[in-house]
Structures are given as C-alpha cells and as structure tokens.
Amino acid sequence: MRYFLLFLLIFPFLEIYTLIVVGGYIGPMNTLLLTFITAFLGIYLLRNQGLSSILNIRSNTESFEPTADNLLKTLFSPIGGFFLLIPGFLSDLVGLLILTPITRIFILGAIFNFLTPFKMNSSKSKNDRDWIEGEYEKDK
C-alpha cells in the first residue's frame, strides 16, 4: 500500500514520457488520433458494457452468485473502459489487459494472491499447540 502513493506520483510522468516517445516515432497527429480513438472506445465500453453489467448485478440478485470471482469478472469491463478513457498509452495497455479474458485470469490470480493472508504458517502453529483438558470445581 505504501508503494501505491509512489505509483500514483510516477504514473503521470511515465504517461507523458511515453506520449512524447511515441509521438516522436509516429508523429504528433497520429499520436493524438490514437489517443482519441482509445478514449472513444473507453466511452463506448463504459456506456454499453460497464453500466449493463452493473445493472445486471442489481437486477439479478436471485440468480447472481455473489462470489468474489464472479463479481470481479463482472466489474472488470467498466474498469477496463475507465483505463481506456484516460489519455496515454500505458493506461490504454492496462485497460486492454483488463478487458482481455486471458490476461484477466492472471490479473484475478494476482489480486487474490495479494489479498490472501501473508502468515499462513503462524495460524497453523497456533492450532497445533498442546491442549490440556481437565475438570474443575469452584471453591465456595
């Protein structure tokens, strides 16, 4: 979590740097055109798939299985559309990786590995302690 703030500070500079480098290779007009195309694609995905998936969760509460895996898969399309909406090639790459089903599995695995407890061995050692059983009577 402490690296998240550092990432938020560095990410805009990396976006600007990649825009300048790509603009140097393909030209400034083509760079702007690609940025606008991905922004419109992100708006399209947010409007159509993102809102409809969220409304499906809301309307199908009886048939929807509220597992974390199913919920994250449903919410990935608006998140991917949001990353496509942000101008820049790195955020577009992240958005496309989120929207691709093959890489979505790896991203879900990384999220679940990050969310699992770190000290699995310490909980086992607490349960393996010796127990002493006995009876007692309270003195009056």
C-alpha atoms as a PDB file:
ATOM      1  CA  MET A   1       0.000   0.000   0.000  1.00  0.00           C
ATOM      2  CA  ARG A   2       2.887   2.334   0.641  1.00  0.00           C
ATOM      3  CA  TYR A   3       4.058   1.893  -2.941  1.00  0.00           C
ATOM      4  CA  PHE A   4       0.647   2.882  -4.276  1.00  0.00           C
ATOM      5  CA  LEU A   5       1.201   6.575  -3.494  1.00  0.00           C
ATOM      6  CA  LEU A   6       4.599   6.447  -5.174  1.00  0.00           C
ATOM      7  CA  PHE A   7       2.986   4.765  -8.184  1.00  0.00           C
ATOM      8  CA  LEU A   8       0.318   7.497  -8.355  1.00  0.00           C
ATOM      9  CA  LEU A   9       3.026  10.146  -8.377  1.00  0.00           C
ATOM     10  CA  ILE A  10       5.220   8.471 -11.006  1.00  0.00           C
ATOM     11  CA  PHE A  11       2.487   7.186 -13.368  1.00  0.00           C
ATOM     12  CA  PRO A  12       1.590  10.586 -14.959  1.00  0.00           C
ATOM     13  CA  PHE A  13       5.242  11.252 -15.728  1.00  0.00           C
ATOM     14  CA  LEU A  14       5.560   7.836 -17.354  1.00  0.00           C
ATOM     15  CA  GLU A  15       2.418   8.532 -19.405  1.00  0.00           C
ATOM     16  CA  ILE A  16       3.796  11.861 -20.620  1.00  0.00           C
ATOM     17  CA  TYR A  17       7.150  10.281 -21.414  1.00  0.00           C
ATOM     18  CA  THR A  18       5.555   7.508 -23.489  1.00  0.00           C
ATOM     19  CA  LEU A  19       3.363  10.033 -25.301  1.00  0.00           C
ATOM     20  CA  ILE A  20       6.460  12.045 -26.232  1.00  0.00           C
ATOM     21  CA  VAL A  21       8.433   8.970 -27.339  1.00  0.00           C
ATOM     22  CA  VAL A  22       5.562   7.511 -29.379  1.00  0.00           C
ATOM     23  CA  GLY A  23       4.844  10.961 -30.814  1.00  0.00           C
ATOM     24  CA  GLY A  24       8.466  11.144 -31.928  1.00  0.00           C
ATOM     25  CA  TYR A  25       8.148   7.843 -33.792  1.00  0.00           C
ATOM     26  CA  ILE A  26       4.707   8.104 -35.397  1.00  0.00           C
ATOM     27  CA  GLY A  27       4.154  11.854 -35.369  1.00  0.00           C
ATOM     28  CA  PRO A  28       2.067  14.122 -33.170  1.00  0.00           C
ATOM     29  CA  MET A  29      -1.149  13.915 -35.205  1.00  0.00           C
ATOM     30  CA  ASN A  30      -1.143  10.119 -35.249  1.00  0.00           C
ATOM     31  CA  THR A  31      -0.478  10.102 -31.504  1.00  0.00           C
ATOM     32  CA  LEU A  32      -3.455  12.382 -30.892  1.00  0.00           C
ATOM     33  CA  LEU A  33      -5.606  10.285 -33.209  1.00  0.00           C
ATOM     34  CA  LEU A  34      -4.719   7.082 -31.356  1.00  0.00           C
ATOM     35  CA  THR A  35      -5.398   8.767 -28.027  1.00  0.00           C
ATOM     36  CA  PHE A  36      -8.840   9.946 -29.172  1.00  0.00           C
ATOM     37  CA  ILE A  37      -9.700   6.537 -30.647  1.00  0.00           C
ATOM     38  CA  THR A  38      -8.910   4.771 -27.387  1.00  0.00           C
ATOM     39  CA  ALA A  39     -10.827   7.419 -25.425  1.00  0.00           C
ATOM     40  CA  PHE A  40     -13.919   6.896 -27.585  1.00  0.00           C
ATOM     41  CA  LEU A  41     -13.517   3.138 -27.223  1.00  0.00           C
ATOM     42  CA  GLY A  42     -13.385   3.593 -23.446  1.00  0.00           C
ATOM     43  CA  ILE A  43     -16.529   5.741 -23.505  1.00  0.00           C
ATOM     44  CA  TYR A  44     -18.288   3.114 -25.596  1.00  0.00           C
ATOM     45  CA  LEU A  45     -17.294   0.334 -23.223  1.00  0.00           C
ATOM     46  CA  LEU A  46     -18.297   2.333 -20.168  1.00  0.00           C
ATOM     47  CA  ARG A  47     -21.697   3.139 -21.633  1.00  0.00           C
ATOM     48  CA  ASN A  48     -22.647  -0.235 -23.044  1.00  0.00           C
ATOM     49  CA  GLN A  49     -20.856  -2.996 -21.199  1.00  0.00           C
ATOM     50  CA  GLY A  50     -19.946  -1.328 -17.933  1.00  0.00           C
ATOM     51  CA  LEU A  51     -23.311   0.041 -16.952  1.00  0.00           C
ATOM     52  CA  SER A  52     -25.186  -3.000 -18.228  1.00  0.00           C
ATOM     53  CA  SER A  53     -23.012  -5.362 -16.181  1.00  0.00           C
ATOM     54  CA  ILE A  54     -23.560  -3.315 -13.045  1.00  0.00           C
ATOM     55  CA  LEU A  55     -27.311  -3.190 -13.702  1.00  0.00           C
ATOM     56  CA  ASN A  56     -27.340  -6.981 -14.253  1.00  0.00           C
ATOM     57  CA  ILE A  57     -25.817  -7.465 -10.826  1.00  0.00           C
ATOM     58  CA  ARG A  58     -28.506  -5.274  -9.346  1.00  0.00           C
ATOM     59  CA  SER A  59     -31.455  -6.812 -11.175  1.00  0.00           C
ATOM     60  CA  ASN A  60     -30.448 -10.477 -10.964  1.00  0.00           C
ATOM     61  CA  THR A  61     -29.787 -10.707  -7.261  1.00  0.00           C
ATOM     62  CA  GLU A  62     -31.640 -14.043  -7.046  1.00  0.00           C
ATOM     63  CA  SER A  63     -29.716 -15.774  -9.834  1.00  0.00           C
ATOM     64  CA  PHE A  64     -26.410 -13.944  -9.347  1.00  0.00           C
ATOM     65  CA  GLU A  65     -23.844 -15.843  -7.317  1.00  0.00           C
ATOM     66  CA  PRO A  66     -22.115 -13.277  -5.113  1.00  0.00           C
ATOM     67  CA  THR A  67     -18.693 -14.869  -5.251  1.00  0.00           C
ATOM     68  CA  ALA A  68     -15.696 -12.589  -5.377  1.00  0.00           C
ATOM     69  CA  ASP A  69     -14.517 -14.205  -8.600  1.00  0.00           C
ATOM     70  CA  ASN A  70     -17.804 -13.596 -10.416  1.00  0.00           C
ATOM     71  CA  LEU A  71     -18.137 -10.069  -9.048  1.00  0.00           C
ATOM     72  CA  LEU A  72     -14.624  -9.077 -10.123  1.00  0.00           C
ATOM     73  CA  LYS A  73     -15.127 -10.512 -13.604  1.00  0.00           C
ATOM     74  CA  THR A  74     -18.335  -8.515 -13.950  1.00  0.00           C
ATOM     75  CA  LEU A  75     -16.726  -5.309 -12.767  1.00  0.00           C
ATOM     76  CA  PHE A  76     -13.642  -5.636 -14.973  1.00  0.00           C
ATOM     77  CA  SER A  77     -15.311  -4.239 -18.095  1.00  0.00           C
ATOM     78  CA  PRO A  78     -16.076  -0.805 -16.576  1.00  0.00           C
ATOM     79  CA  ILE A  79     -12.625  -0.701 -15.002  1.00  0.00           C
ATOM     80  CA  GLY A  80     -11.018  -1.540 -18.349  1.00  0.00           C
ATOM     81  CA  GLY A  81     -13.167   1.082 -20.073  1.00  0.00           C
ATOM     82  CA  PHE A  82     -12.096   3.639 -17.496  1.00  0.00           C
ATOM     83  CA  PHE A  83      -8.424   2.893 -18.147  1.00  0.00           C
ATOM     84  CA  LEU A  84      -9.046   3.268 -21.893  1.00  0.00           C
ATOM     85  CA  LEU A  85     -10.702   6.612 -21.227  1.00  0.00           C
ATOM     86  CA  ILE A  86      -7.587   8.014 -19.538  1.00  0.00           C
ATOM     87  CA  PRO A  87      -5.316   9.574 -22.176  1.00  0.00           C
ATOM     88  CA  GLY A  88      -1.996   7.816 -22.542  1.00  0.00           C
ATOM     89  CA  PHE A  89      -0.600   4.605 -23.908  1.00  0.00           C
ATOM     90  CA  LEU A  90       0.294   2.941 -20.605  1.00  0.00           C
ATOM     91  CA  SER A  91      -3.224   3.292 -19.240  1.00  0.00           C
ATOM     92  CA  ASP A  92      -4.571   2.030 -22.583  1.00  0.00           C
ATOM     93  CA  LEU A  93      -2.333  -1.011 -22.283  1.00  0.00           C
ATOM     94  CA  VAL A  94      -3.604  -1.663 -18.752  1.00  0.00           C
ATOM     95  CA  GLY A  95      -7.205  -1.251 -19.965  1.00  0.00           C
ATOM     96  CA  LEU A  96      -6.713  -3.702 -22.820  1.00  0.00           C
ATOM     97  CA  LEU A  97      -5.052  -6.209 -20.481  1.00  0.00           C
ATOM     98  CA  ILE A  98      -8.001  -5.944 -18.117  1.00  0.00           C
ATOM     99  CA  LEU A  99     -10.520  -6.425 -20.936  1.00  0.00           C
ATOM    100  CA  THR A 100      -8.767  -9.435 -22.498  1.00  0.00           C
ATOM    101  CA  PRO A 101     -10.175 -12.624 -20.938  1.00  0.00           C
ATOM    102  CA  ILE A 102      -6.852 -14.487 -20.926  1.00  0.00           C
ATOM    103  CA  THR A 103      -4.957 -11.792 -19.062  1.00  0.00           C
ATOM    104  CA  ARG A 104      -7.989 -11.149 -16.827  1.00  0.00           C
ATOM    105  CA  ILE A 105      -7.413 -14.605 -15.304  1.00  0.00           C
ATOM    106  CA  PHE A 106      -3.815 -13.714 -14.459  1.00  0.00           C
ATOM    107  CA  ILE A 107      -4.860 -10.350 -13.029  1.00  0.00           C
ATOM    108  CA  LEU A 108      -7.527 -12.035 -10.878  1.00  0.00           C
ATOM    109  CA  GLY A 109      -4.926 -14.526  -9.667  1.00  0.00           C
ATOM    110  CA  ALA A 110      -2.545 -11.725  -8.746  1.00  0.00           C
ATOM    111  CA  ILE A 111      -5.308  -9.864  -6.886  1.00  0.00           C
ATOM    112  CA  PHE A 112      -6.329 -12.968  -4.942  1.00  0.00           C
ATOM    113  CA  ASN A 113      -2.701 -13.778  -4.112  1.00  0.00           C
ATOM    114  CA  PHE A 114      -2.258 -10.243  -2.834  1.00  0.00           C
ATOM    115  CA  LEU A 115      -5.411 -10.433  -0.718  1.00  0.00           C
ATOM    116  CA  THR A 116      -4.582 -13.768   0.957  1.00  0.00           C
ATOM    117  CA  PRO A 117      -3.050 -13.653   4.415  1.00  0.00           C
ATOM    118  CA  PHE A 118       0.713 -13.499   4.444  1.00  0.00           C
ATOM    119  CA  LYS A 119       1.314 -15.527   7.619  1.00  0.00           C
ATOM    120  CA  MET A 120      -0.278 -18.872   6.845  1.00  0.00           C
ATOM    121  CA  ASN A 121       2.296 -20.791   8.928  1.00  0.00           C
ATOM    122  CA  SER A 122       1.646 -18.771  12.087  1.00  0.00           C
ATOM    123  CA  SER A 123      -2.054 -19.694  12.096  1.00  0.00           C
ATOM    124  CA  LYS A 124      -1.168 -23.394  11.764  1.00  0.00           C
ATOM    125  CA  SER A 125       1.249 -23.212  14.670  1.00  0.00           C
ATOM    126  CA  LYS A 126      -1.435 -21.653  16.893  1.00  0.00           C
ATOM    127  CA  ASN A 127      -3.814 -24.521  16.148  1.00  0.00           C
ATOM    128  CA  ASP A 128      -1.170 -27.197  16.731  1.00  0.00           C
ATOM    129  CA  ARG A 129      -0.469 -26.213  20.331  1.00  0.00           C
ATOM    130  CA  ASP A 130      -0.907 -28.828  23.017  1.00  0.00           C
ATOM    131  CA  TRP A 131      -4.200 -28.738  24.870  1.00  0.00           C
ATOM    132  CA  ILE A 132      -4.566 -29.720  28.458  1.00  0.00           C
ATOM    133  CA  GLU A 133      -8.018 -30.928  29.321  1.00  0.00           C
ATOM    134  CA  GLY A 134      -9.328 -31.223  32.809  1.00  0.00           C
ATOM    135  CA  GLU A 135     -12.199 -30.627  35.172  1.00  0.00           C
ATOM    136  CA  TYR A 136     -12.521 -28.027  37.848  1.00  0.00           C
ATOM    137  CA  GLU A 137     -14.783 -27.167  40.719  1.00  0.00           C
ATOM    138  CA  LYS A 138     -15.266 -23.700  42.038  1.00  0.00           C
ATOM    139  CA  ASP A 139     -14.494 -23.314  45.766  1.00  0.00           C
ATOM    140  CA  LYS A 140     -17.094 -21.502  47.799  1.00  0.00           C
END
